[in-house]
C-alpha atoms as a PDB file:
ATOM      1  CA  MET A   1      49.548 -38.437  65.542  1.00  0.00           C
ATOM      2  CA  ARG A   2      47.884 -41.846  65.867  1.00  0.00           C
ATOM      3  CA  ARG A   3      44.731 -40.137  67.086  1.00  0.00           C
ATOM      4  CA  LYS A   4      44.752 -37.954  64.040  1.00  0.00           C
ATOM      5  CA  TYR A   5      45.144 -40.877  61.665  1.00  0.00           C
ATOM      6  CA  GLY A   6      42.508 -42.836  63.572  1.00  0.00           C
ATOM      7  CA  PHE A   7      40.094 -39.934  63.294  1.00  0.00           C
ATOM      8  CA  VAL A   8      40.693 -39.648  59.492  1.00  0.00           C
ATOM      9  CA  ALA A   9      40.257 -43.367  59.078  1.00  0.00           C
ATOM     10  CA  ALA A  10      36.994 -43.256  60.959  1.00  0.00           C
ATOM     11  CA  MET A  11      35.690 -40.386  58.910  1.00  0.00           C
ATOM     12  CA  LEU A  12      36.622 -42.159  55.668  1.00  0.00           C
ATOM     13  CA  SER A  13      34.726 -45.252  56.897  1.00  0.00           C
ATOM     14  CA  VAL A  14      31.618 -43.188  57.568  1.00  0.00           C
ATOM     15  CA  ILE A  15      31.811 -41.504  54.140  1.00  0.00           C
ATOM     16  CA  LEU A  16      32.218 -44.893  52.427  1.00  0.00           C
ATOM     17  CA  LEU A  17      29.240 -46.356  54.321  1.00  0.00           C
ATOM     18  CA  LEU A  18      27.090 -43.325  53.444  1.00  0.00           C
ATOM     19  CA  SER A  19      28.180 -43.553  49.777  1.00  0.00           C
ATOM     20  CA  LEU A  20      27.245 -47.252  49.584  1.00  0.00           C
ATOM     21  CA  GLY A  21      23.907 -46.517  51.219  1.00  0.00           C
ATOM     22  CA  LEU A  22      23.049 -43.762  48.791  1.00  0.00           C
ATOM     23  CA  THR A  23      24.124 -45.904  45.859  1.00  0.00           C
ATOM     24  CA  ALA A  24      21.911 -48.715  47.018  1.00  0.00           C
ATOM     25  CA  LEU A  25      19.050 -46.289  47.390  1.00  0.00           C
ATOM     26  CA  TYR A  26      19.557 -44.755  43.931  1.00  0.00           C
ATOM     27  CA  THR A  27      19.741 -48.135  42.098  1.00  0.00           C
ATOM     28  CA  GLY A  28      16.567 -49.299  43.742  1.00  0.00           C
ATOM     29  CA  GLN A  29      18.027 -52.001  45.995  1.00  0.00           C
ATOM     30  CA  GLU A  30      15.688 -53.326  48.602  1.00  0.00           C
ATOM     31  CA  LYS A  31      16.089 -55.335  51.783  1.00  0.00           C
ATOM     32  CA  GLY A  32      17.941 -58.550  51.296  1.00  0.00           C
ATOM     33  CA  GLY A  33      20.281 -56.920  48.728  1.00  0.00           C
ATOM     34  CA  LYS A  34      18.078 -57.741  45.807  1.00  0.00           C
ATOM     35  CA  ARG A  35      18.127 -55.129  43.068  1.00  0.00           C
ATOM     36  CA  ALA A  36      14.680 -53.834  41.983  1.00  0.00           C
ATOM     37  CA  PHE A  37      13.671 -54.423  38.361  1.00  0.00           C
ATOM     38  CA  LYS A  38      13.760 -50.886  36.955  1.00  0.00           C
ATOM     39  CA  ILE A  39      11.173 -49.705  34.504  1.00  0.00           C
ATOM     40  CA  VAL A  40      11.368 -46.190  32.928  1.00  0.00           C
ATOM     41  CA  THR A  41       8.513 -44.787  30.800  1.00  0.00           C
ATOM     42  CA  SER A  42       8.862 -41.968  28.310  1.00  0.00           C
ATOM     43  CA  PHE A  43       5.886 -39.748  29.117  1.00  0.00           C
ATOM     44  CA  PHE A  44       2.590 -39.592  30.998  1.00  0.00           C
ATOM     45  CA  PRO A  45       0.296 -41.910  29.035  1.00  0.00           C
ATOM     46  CA  MET A  46       2.952 -44.642  29.079  1.00  0.00           C
ATOM     47  CA  TYR A  47       3.467 -44.176  32.825  1.00  0.00           C
ATOM     48  CA  VAL A  48      -0.187 -44.635  33.532  1.00  0.00           C
ATOM     49  CA  ILE A  49      -0.317 -47.874  31.485  1.00  0.00           C
ATOM     50  CA  ALA A  50       2.782 -49.191  33.228  1.00  0.00           C
ATOM     51  CA  GLU A  51       1.450 -48.105  36.628  1.00  0.00           C
ATOM     52  CA  ASN A  52      -1.679 -50.197  36.169  1.00  0.00           C
ATOM     53  CA  ILE A  53       0.217 -53.227  34.831  1.00  0.00           C
ATOM     54  CA  VAL A  54       2.913 -53.183  37.562  1.00  0.00           C
ATOM     55  CA  GLY A  55       0.426 -52.671  40.332  1.00  0.00           C
ATOM     56  CA  ASP A  56       1.906 -53.628  43.707  1.00  0.00           C
ATOM     57  CA  ALA A  57       4.577 -55.877  42.243  1.00  0.00           C
ATOM     58  CA  ALA A  58       7.456 -56.260  44.811  1.00  0.00           C
ATOM     59  CA  GLN A  59      10.943 -55.084  43.995  1.00  0.00           C
ATOM     60  CA  VAL A  60       9.904 -53.174  40.930  1.00  0.00           C
ATOM     61  CA  SER A  61      10.953 -49.550  40.387  1.00  0.00           C
ATOM     62  CA  LEU A  62       8.804 -47.449  38.042  1.00  0.00           C
ATOM     63  CA  GLU A  63       9.890 -43.932  37.012  1.00  0.00           C
ATOM     64  CA  ASN A  64       8.977 -41.518  34.234  1.00  0.00           C
ATOM     65  CA  LEU A  65      11.484 -39.732  32.124  1.00  0.00           C
ATOM     66  CA  SER A  66       9.611 -36.453  31.627  1.00  0.00           C
ATOM     67  CA  GLU A  67       7.620 -34.304  33.934  1.00  0.00           C
ATOM     68  CA  PRO A  68       3.845 -35.201  33.946  1.00  0.00           C
ATOM     69  CA  LYS A  69       2.987 -31.733  32.592  1.00  0.00           C
ATOM     70  CA  THR A  70       5.397 -31.964  29.633  1.00  0.00           C
ATOM     71  CA  GLY A  71       2.868 -33.219  27.099  1.00  0.00           C
ATOM     72  CA  CYS A  72       3.937 -34.929  23.895  1.00  0.00           C
ATOM     73  CA  LEU A  73       7.641 -35.459  23.395  1.00  0.00           C
ATOM     74  CA  HIS A  74       8.000 -34.448  19.770  1.00  0.00           C
ATOM     75  CA  ASP A  75      10.821 -31.935  20.362  1.00  0.00           C
ATOM     76  CA  TYR A  76      11.978 -33.209  23.763  1.00  0.00           C
ATOM     77  CA  GLN A  77      15.652 -32.868  24.359  1.00  0.00           C
ATOM     78  CA  LEU A  78      17.264 -35.491  26.612  1.00  0.00           C
ATOM     79  CA  THR A  79      19.197 -34.164  29.638  1.00  0.00           C
ATOM     80  CA  PRO A  80      22.143 -35.680  31.360  1.00  0.00           C
ATOM     81  CA  ALA A  81      19.805 -36.639  34.218  1.00  0.00           C
ATOM     82  CA  ASP A  82      17.559 -38.442  31.723  1.00  0.00           C
ATOM     83  CA  MET A  83      20.567 -40.436  30.382  1.00  0.00           C
ATOM     84  CA  LYS A  84      21.587 -41.294  33.892  1.00  0.00           C
ATOM     85  CA  LEU A  85      18.109 -42.515  34.636  1.00  0.00           C
ATOM     86  CA  LEU A  86      18.145 -44.756  31.547  1.00  0.00           C
ATOM     87  CA  SER A  87      21.699 -45.938  32.192  1.00  0.00           C
ATOM     88  CA  ASP A  88      20.625 -48.559  34.796  1.00  0.00           C
ATOM     89  CA  ALA A  89      17.069 -49.208  33.543  1.00  0.00           C
ATOM     90  CA  ASP A  90      16.033 -52.729  32.607  1.00  0.00           C
ATOM     91  CA  VAL A  91      13.141 -51.662  30.371  1.00  0.00           C
ATOM     92  CA  PHE A  92      12.222 -48.425  28.664  1.00  0.00           C
ATOM     93  CA  ILE A  93       8.503 -48.169  27.699  1.00  0.00           C
ATOM     94  CA  VAL A  94       7.775 -45.708  24.862  1.00  0.00           C
ATOM     95  CA  ASN A  95       4.842 -44.870  22.707  1.00  0.00           C
ATOM     96  CA  GLY A  96       6.679 -45.229  19.444  1.00  0.00           C
ATOM     97  CA  GLY A  97       5.440 -44.082  16.075  1.00  0.00           C
ATOM     98  CA  GLY A  98       7.717 -40.985  16.093  1.00  0.00           C
ATOM     99  CA  ILE A  99       6.485 -39.471  19.342  1.00  0.00           C
ATOM    100  CA  GLU A 100       9.904 -39.968  21.012  1.00  0.00           C
ATOM    101  CA  SER A 101      12.201 -38.301  18.492  1.00  0.00           C
ATOM    102  CA  PHE A 102      15.209 -39.111  20.663  1.00  0.00           C
ATOM    103  CA  LEU A 103      14.647 -42.886  20.573  1.00  0.00           C
ATOM    104  CA  ALA A 104      17.446 -43.624  18.144  1.00  0.00           C
ATOM    105  CA  ASP A 105      19.959 -41.824  20.348  1.00  0.00           C
ATOM    106  CA  VAL A 106      18.842 -43.892  23.384  1.00  0.00           C
ATOM    107  CA  ALA A 107      19.162 -47.142  21.416  1.00  0.00           C
ATOM    108  CA  ALA A 108      22.629 -46.255  20.237  1.00  0.00           C
ATOM    109  CA  GLU A 109      23.848 -45.187  23.669  1.00  0.00           C
ATOM    110  CA  TYR A 110      22.345 -48.176  25.552  1.00  0.00           C
ATOM    111  CA  PRO A 111      22.161 -51.132  23.116  1.00  0.00           C
ATOM    112  CA  LYS A 112      21.314 -53.632  25.797  1.00  0.00           C
ATOM    113  CA  LEU A 113      18.318 -51.622  27.058  1.00  0.00           C
ATOM    114  CA  GLN A 114      15.081 -53.339  26.303  1.00  0.00           C
ATOM    115  CA  ILE A 115      12.724 -50.968  24.690  1.00  0.00           C
ATOM    116  CA  ILE A 116       9.008 -51.708  24.531  1.00  0.00           C
ATOM    117  CA  SER A 117       7.164 -49.751  21.829  1.00  0.00           C
ATOM    118  CA  ALA A 118       3.504 -49.646  22.846  1.00  0.00           C
ATOM    119  CA  CYS A 119       2.411 -48.799  19.334  1.00  0.00           C
ATOM    120  CA  GLY A 120       4.438 -51.628  17.895  1.00  0.00           C
ATOM    121  CA  ASP A 121       1.347 -53.693  17.002  1.00  0.00           C
ATOM    122  CA  ILE A 122      -0.934 -50.716  16.048  1.00  0.00           C
ATOM    123  CA  GLU A 123      -1.889 -49.676  12.590  1.00  0.00           C
ATOM    124  CA  LEU A 124      -1.472 -45.896  12.983  1.00  0.00           C
ATOM    125  CA  LEU A 125      -3.685 -43.425  11.220  1.00  0.00           C
ATOM    126  CA  GLU A 126      -1.993 -41.203   8.671  1.00  0.00           C
ATOM    127  CA  SER A 127      -0.864 -37.825   9.905  1.00  0.00           C
ATOM    128  CA  GLY A 128      -3.706 -35.456   9.078  1.00  0.00           C
ATOM    129  CA  SER A 129      -1.690 -32.246   9.754  1.00  0.00           C
ATOM    130  CA  GLU A 130      -1.936 -29.506   7.241  1.00  0.00           C
ATOM    131  CA  GLU A 131       1.166 -27.778   8.539  1.00  0.00           C
ATOM    132  CA  GLY A 132       3.611 -29.134   5.959  1.00  0.00           C
ATOM    133  CA  GLU A 133       7.185 -28.558   6.954  1.00  0.00           C
ATOM    134  CA  HIS A 134       6.185 -27.994  10.571  1.00  0.00           C
ATOM    135  CA  SER A 135       4.698 -31.440  10.967  1.00  0.00           C
ATOM    136  CA  HIS A 136       6.237 -33.402  13.895  1.00  0.00           C
ATOM    137  CA  GLU A 137       5.178 -36.899  12.913  1.00  0.00           C
ATOM    138  CA  GLU A 138       7.432 -38.870  10.577  1.00  0.00           C
ATOM    139  CA  GLU A 139       5.781 -42.275  10.915  1.00  0.00           C
ATOM    140  CA  GLY A 140       2.080 -41.241  11.077  1.00  0.00           C
ATOM    141  CA  ASN A 141      -0.312 -40.056  13.688  1.00  0.00           C
ATOM    142  CA  ALA A 142       0.893 -41.889  16.779  1.00  0.00           C
ATOM    143  CA  HIS A 143      -1.686 -40.548  19.263  1.00  0.00           C
ATOM    144  CA  ALA A 144      -3.289 -43.963  19.395  1.00  0.00           C
ATOM    145  CA  TRP A 145      -4.126 -43.711  23.127  1.00  0.00           C
ATOM    146  CA  MET A 146      -6.977 -41.318  22.174  1.00  0.00           C
ATOM    147  CA  SER A 147      -8.888 -44.362  20.862  1.00  0.00           C
ATOM    148  CA  VAL A 148     -10.169 -46.471  23.771  1.00  0.00           C
ATOM    149  CA  SER A 149     -10.017 -49.676  21.726  1.00  0.00           C
ATOM    150  CA  ARG A 150      -6.476 -48.976  20.548  1.00  0.00           C
ATOM    151  CA  TYR A 151      -5.443 -47.940  24.097  1.00  0.00           C
ATOM    152  CA  MET A 152      -6.412 -51.398  25.184  1.00  0.00           C
ATOM    153  CA  GLN A 153      -4.061 -52.821  22.498  1.00  0.00           C
ATOM    154  CA  LEU A 154      -1.354 -50.588  23.959  1.00  0.00           C
ATOM    155  CA  VAL A 155      -1.977 -52.122  27.341  1.00  0.00           C
ATOM    156  CA  ASP A 156      -1.661 -55.627  25.919  1.00  0.00           C
ATOM    157  CA  THR A 157       1.617 -54.777  24.105  1.00  0.00           C
ATOM    158  CA  VAL A 158       3.213 -53.279  27.174  1.00  0.00           C
ATOM    159  CA  ALA A 159       2.054 -56.182  29.370  1.00  0.00           C
ATOM    160  CA  GLY A 160       3.491 -58.703  26.948  1.00  0.00           C
ATOM    161  CA  GLY A 161       6.749 -56.834  26.734  1.00  0.00           C
ATOM    162  CA  LEU A 162       7.100 -56.612  30.492  1.00  0.00           C
ATOM    163  CA  ALA A 163       6.201 -60.269  30.964  1.00  0.00           C
ATOM    164  CA  ALA A 164       8.876 -61.325  28.489  1.00  0.00           C
ATOM    165  CA  ALA A 165      11.500 -58.975  30.051  1.00  0.00           C
ATOM    166  CA  ASP A 166      10.646 -59.907  33.659  1.00  0.00           C
ATOM    167  CA  THR A 167       9.448 -63.549  33.554  1.00  0.00           C
ATOM    168  CA  ALA A 168       9.413 -63.787  37.387  1.00  0.00           C
ATOM    169  CA  ARG A 169       6.493 -61.419  37.481  1.00  0.00           C
ATOM    170  CA  ALA A 170       4.881 -62.308  34.090  1.00  0.00           C
ATOM    171  CA  LYS A 171       1.758 -63.795  35.629  1.00  0.00           C
ATOM    172  CA  LEU A 172       1.136 -60.698  37.807  1.00  0.00           C
ATOM    173  CA  TYR A 173       1.675 -58.325  34.825  1.00  0.00           C
ATOM    174  CA  ASN A 174      -0.793 -60.249  32.688  1.00  0.00           C
ATOM    175  CA  GLU A 175      -3.391 -60.448  35.506  1.00  0.00           C
ATOM    176  CA  ASN A 176      -3.071 -56.741  36.178  1.00  0.00           C
ATOM    177  CA  ALA A 177      -3.414 -55.885  32.473  1.00  0.00           C
ATOM    178  CA  LYS A 178      -6.522 -58.091  32.210  1.00  0.00           C
ATOM    179  CA  ALA A 179      -8.058 -56.277  35.173  1.00  0.00           C
ATOM    180  CA  TYR A 180      -7.241 -52.887  33.685  1.00  0.00           C
ATOM    181  CA  ARG A 181      -8.787 -53.902  30.382  1.00  0.00           C
ATOM    182  CA  GLN A 182     -11.998 -54.790  32.234  1.00  0.00           C
ATOM    183  CA  ARG A 183     -12.181 -51.285  33.681  1.00  0.00           C
ATOM    184  CA  LEU A 184     -11.707 -49.843  30.215  1.00  0.00           C
ATOM    185  CA  LEU A 185     -14.487 -51.953  28.618  1.00  0.00           C
ATOM    186  CA  PRO A 186     -17.290 -49.607  29.742  1.00  0.00           C
ATOM    187  CA  LEU A 187     -15.564 -46.636  28.050  1.00  0.00           C
ATOM    188  CA  GLN A 188     -15.252 -48.630  24.865  1.00  0.00           C
ATOM    189  CA  LYS A 189     -19.021 -49.494  24.950  1.00  0.00           C
ATOM    190  CA  GLU A 190     -19.828 -45.812  25.569  1.00  0.00           C
ATOM    191  CA  MET A 191     -17.844 -44.846  22.468  1.00  0.00           C
ATOM    192  CA  GLU A 192     -19.650 -47.459  20.455  1.00  0.00           C
ATOM    193  CA  ALA A 193     -22.959 -46.061  21.653  1.00  0.00           C
ATOM    194  CA  LEU A 194     -21.788 -42.517  20.709  1.00  0.00           C
ATOM    195  CA  LYS A 195     -20.983 -43.718  17.148  1.00  0.00           C
ATOM    196  CA  GLU A 196     -24.511 -45.038  16.790  1.00  0.00           C
ATOM    197  CA  ASN A 197     -25.891 -41.663  17.817  1.00  0.00           C
ATOM    198  CA  ALA A 198     -23.438 -39.280  16.148  1.00  0.00           C
ATOM    199  CA  GLY A 199     -24.952 -39.887  12.691  1.00  0.00           C
ATOM    200  CA  GLY A 200     -21.731 -39.572  10.758  1.00  0.00           C
ATOM    201  CA  GLY A 201     -20.746 -36.323   9.204  1.00  0.00           C
ATOM    202  CA  ALA A 202     -17.570 -34.263   9.221  1.00  0.00           C
ATOM    203  CA  VAL A 203     -15.626 -32.404  11.852  1.00  0.00           C
ATOM    204  CA  VAL A 204     -12.627 -30.036  11.928  1.00  0.00           C
ATOM    205  CA  SER A 205      -9.847 -30.921  14.304  1.00  0.00           C
ATOM    206  CA  LEU A 206      -7.389 -28.529  15.815  1.00  0.00           C
ATOM    207  CA  HIS A 207      -5.140 -31.352  17.041  1.00  0.00           C
ATOM    208  CA  GLU A 208      -4.366 -34.460  15.024  1.00  0.00           C
ATOM    209  CA  ALA A 209      -4.824 -36.637  18.134  1.00  0.00           C
ATOM    210  CA  TYR A 210      -8.580 -36.202  17.669  1.00  0.00           C
ATOM    211  CA  ALA A 211      -8.510 -38.244  14.407  1.00  0.00           C
ATOM    212  CA  TYR A 212      -8.757 -41.289  16.606  1.00  0.00           C
ATOM    213  CA  VAL A 213     -11.735 -39.918  18.471  1.00  0.00           C
ATOM    214  CA  ALA A 214     -13.420 -39.083  15.128  1.00  0.00           C
ATOM    215  CA  GLN A 215     -12.820 -42.532  13.731  1.00  0.00           C
ATOM    216  CA  ASP A 216     -14.189 -44.185  16.892  1.00  0.00           C
ATOM    217  CA  MET A 217     -17.352 -42.103  16.415  1.00  0.00           C
ATOM    218  CA  GLY A 218     -17.679 -42.811  12.651  1.00  0.00           C
ATOM    219  CA  LEU A 219     -16.893 -39.149  11.771  1.00  0.00           C
ATOM    220  CA  GLN A 220     -14.753 -37.840   8.916  1.00  0.00           C
ATOM    221  CA  VAL A 221     -12.074 -35.237   9.613  1.00  0.00           C
ATOM    222  CA  ALA A 222     -12.545 -32.526   6.940  1.00  0.00           C
ATOM    223  CA  TYR A 223      -9.446 -30.510   8.013  1.00  0.00           C
ATOM    224  CA  THR A 224      -6.807 -30.772  10.624  1.00  0.00           C
ATOM    225  CA  LEU A 225      -4.857 -27.836  12.006  1.00  0.00           C
ATOM    226  CA  ASN A 226      -2.258 -29.264  14.375  1.00  0.00           C
ATOM    227  CA  LEU A 227      -1.821 -26.612  17.101  1.00  0.00           C
ATOM    228  CA  ASP A 228       0.833 -26.569  19.790  1.00  0.00           C
ATOM    229  CA  GLU A 229       2.878 -24.056  21.765  1.00  0.00           C
ATOM    230  CA  GLU A 230       5.183 -23.240  18.817  1.00  0.00           C
ATOM    231  CA  ARG A 231       2.465 -23.055  16.097  1.00  0.00           C
ATOM    232  CA  GLN A 232       1.948 -19.819  14.261  1.00  0.00           C
ATOM    233  CA  VAL A 233      -1.279 -19.908  12.205  1.00  0.00           C
ATOM    234  CA  SER A 234      -1.259 -18.107   8.787  1.00  0.00           C
ATOM    235  CA  ALA A 235      -4.077 -16.189   7.345  1.00  0.00           C
ATOM    236  CA  GLY A 236      -4.241 -18.728   4.537  1.00  0.00           C
ATOM    237  CA  GLU A 237      -4.726 -21.549   7.000  1.00  0.00           C
ATOM    238  CA  VAL A 238      -7.529 -19.679   8.730  1.00  0.00           C
ATOM    239  CA  ALA A 239      -9.176 -19.288   5.367  1.00  0.00           C
ATOM    240  CA  ASP A 240      -8.739 -23.047   4.692  1.00  0.00           C
ATOM    241  CA  VAL A 241     -10.325 -23.942   7.978  1.00  0.00           C
ATOM    242  CA  LEU A 242     -13.338 -21.641   7.234  1.00  0.00           C
ATOM    243  CA  ALA A 243     -13.622 -23.085   3.704  1.00  0.00           C
ATOM    244  CA  ALA A 244     -13.556 -26.658   5.052  1.00  0.00           C
ATOM    245  CA  ILE A 245     -16.326 -25.811   7.538  1.00  0.00           C
ATOM    246  CA  GLY A 246     -18.524 -24.277   4.850  1.00  0.00           C
ATOM    247  CA  GLU A 247     -17.906 -26.880   2.126  1.00  0.00           C
ATOM    248  CA  ASN A 248     -18.379 -29.942   4.343  1.00  0.00           C
ATOM    249  CA  GLY A 249     -21.273 -28.718   6.502  1.00  0.00           C
ATOM    250  CA  VAL A 250     -19.179 -28.964   9.599  1.00  0.00           C
ATOM    251  CA  LYS A 251     -21.046 -28.410  12.839  1.00  0.00           C
ATOM    252  CA  PHE A 252     -18.447 -29.469  15.396  1.00  0.00           C
ATOM    253  CA  VAL A 253     -14.793 -28.607  15.949  1.00  0.00           C
ATOM    254  CA  LEU A 254     -12.576 -30.774  18.204  1.00  0.00           C
ATOM    255  CA  ALA A 255      -9.929 -28.747  20.002  1.00  0.00           C
ATOM    256  CA  GLU A 256      -7.489 -28.731  22.850  1.00  0.00           C
ATOM    257  CA  GLU A 257      -8.147 -25.724  25.017  1.00  0.00           C
ATOM    258  CA  ILE A 258      -4.544 -25.047  25.984  1.00  0.00           C
ATOM    259  CA  TYR A 259      -3.483 -24.270  22.411  1.00  0.00           C
ATOM    260  CA  GLY A 260      -6.763 -24.125  20.519  1.00  0.00           C
ATOM    261  CA  LYS A 261      -8.760 -21.568  22.501  1.00  0.00           C
ATOM    262  CA  GLU A 262      -7.839 -18.539  20.340  1.00  0.00           C
ATOM    263  CA  MET A 263      -8.748 -20.310  17.142  1.00  0.00           C
ATOM    264  CA  GLY A 264     -11.870 -21.789  18.740  1.00  0.00           C
ATOM    265  CA  ASP A 265     -13.080 -18.344  19.778  1.00  0.00           C
ATOM    266  CA  MET A 266     -12.551 -17.031  16.321  1.00  0.00           C
ATOM    267  CA  LEU A 267     -14.546 -19.905  14.740  1.00  0.00           C
ATOM    268  CA  LEU A 268     -17.396 -19.282  17.206  1.00  0.00           C
ATOM    269  CA  ARG A 269     -17.468 -15.639  16.093  1.00  0.00           C
ATOM    270  CA  GLU A 270     -17.250 -16.378  12.372  1.00  0.00           C
ATOM    271  CA  THR A 271     -19.320 -19.583  12.023  1.00  0.00           C
ATOM    272  CA  ASP A 272     -22.167 -21.477  13.687  1.00  0.00           C
ATOM    273  CA  VAL A 273     -19.945 -24.458  14.759  1.00  0.00           C
ATOM    274  CA  ARG A 274     -19.779 -25.870  18.240  1.00  0.00           C
ATOM    275  CA  VAL A 275     -16.261 -26.166  19.658  1.00  0.00           C
ATOM    276  CA  ILE A 276     -15.680 -29.181  21.880  1.00  0.00           C
ATOM    277  CA  TYR A 277     -12.608 -28.866  24.000  1.00  0.00           C
ATOM    278  CA  LEU A 278     -11.192 -32.359  24.717  1.00  0.00           C
ATOM    279  CA  ASP A 279      -8.309 -33.540  26.845  1.00  0.00           C
ATOM    280  CA  THR A 280      -5.445 -35.035  24.885  1.00  0.00           C
ATOM    281  CA  LEU A 281      -4.596 -37.045  27.985  1.00  0.00           C
ATOM    282  CA  VAL A 282      -0.882 -36.263  27.887  1.00  0.00           C
ATOM    283  CA  ARG A 283      -0.707 -34.389  31.114  1.00  0.00           C
ATOM    284  CA  GLY A 284      -1.897 -34.993  34.654  1.00  0.00           C
ATOM    285  CA  ASP A 285      -0.989 -36.472  37.972  1.00  0.00           C
ATOM    286  CA  TYR A 286       0.348 -39.969  38.465  1.00  0.00           C
ATOM    287  CA  GLU A 287      -2.925 -41.426  39.691  1.00  0.00           C
ATOM    288  CA  LYS A 288      -3.720 -44.878  38.238  1.00  0.00           C
ATOM    289  CA  ASN A 289      -7.218 -43.741  37.170  1.00  0.00           C
ATOM    290  CA  SER A 290      -5.996 -40.730  35.220  1.00  0.00           C
ATOM    291  CA  TYR A 291      -6.769 -42.114  31.833  1.00  0.00           C
ATOM    292  CA  LEU A 292     -10.085 -43.530  32.922  1.00  0.00           C
ATOM    293  CA  ASP A 293     -11.175 -40.256  34.472  1.00  0.00           C
ATOM    294  CA  GLY A 294      -9.870 -38.120  31.534  1.00  0.00           C
ATOM    295  CA  MET A 295     -11.503 -40.257  28.819  1.00  0.00           C
ATOM    296  CA  ARG A 296     -14.678 -40.479  30.753  1.00  0.00           C
ATOM    297  CA  GLU A 297     -14.857 -36.618  30.797  1.00  0.00           C
ATOM    298  CA  ASN A 298     -14.129 -36.499  27.070  1.00  0.00           C
ATOM    299  CA  ILE A 299     -16.964 -38.919  26.372  1.00  0.00           C
ATOM    300  CA  ARG A 300     -19.311 -36.832  28.558  1.00  0.00           C
ATOM    301  CA  LEU A 301     -18.507 -33.764  26.521  1.00  0.00           C
ATOM    302  CA  LEU A 302     -18.961 -35.574  23.218  1.00  0.00           C
ATOM    303  CA  ARG A 303     -22.303 -37.002  24.354  1.00  0.00           C
ATOM    304  CA  GLU A 304     -23.420 -33.617  25.395  1.00  0.00           C
ATOM    305  CA  ALA A 305     -22.642 -32.228  21.968  1.00  0.00           C
ATOM    306  CA  PHE A 306     -23.745 -35.085  19.642  1.00  0.00           C
ATOM    307  CA  VAL A 307     -26.571 -36.812  21.448  1.00  0.00           C
ATOM    308  CA  GLN A 308     -29.683 -34.625  21.340  1.00  0.00           C
END
């Protein structure tokens, strides 16, 4: 009988040790018993910013809420796993401006969670969507990362927020942010050069994110049709797009290939416009250079179209 009880006690001890070990692993504890400072980002662009600012900081855990292929989070529904992830986070980095429609729920559930809104210091463009009741944005067009100069502001805001929340690593965060800005400067200069060569004029956009690209290039957006996976385009809207092209002498249409290819092909058949398919930079892998590489390719495509 004693052997039986001894065996049970031993098994319970093993289970307890395993449980403690798994708990330590889950909560980000490292050697020495120090808990890692846990940062959670809302979606891909915010993760890339945080990844460059955090760098190789010791005892910092960085995780992303959504899958890297999710895209914008306009209609994203939080899962129990998401709420669990946020339950022991120290900081939640979001884009803000209405992109994360679930933000109020998170703030209510975790009032002590520090939320850094990257767009907090950005003057957003007005939502240029013509889709009326289907429009996702409530606070404006929050796709500010599509402007290189504004993206640099996002980097500064996130770095400042992290430095304030995690003072022990404030210097490192600020140094990493400065280094990242330096790597972004050539892209900003390329956009400025494109503006000088674009010659003004009007474009049609098939995603409101491109309003920031157009502004950086000194172009006017004659019409915006905000396309996504749920968007059904009416015959009236097609007529409006064609009218905007004709009335404004539009020669270029900015589109996202994933959702805008069908409309782009139709415009190529019906008009003499050139359709430029740009990356909205909301999907990709978790490489630190993802934004740099994606925006560099966008600039190449724009230069190819606008600089003769």
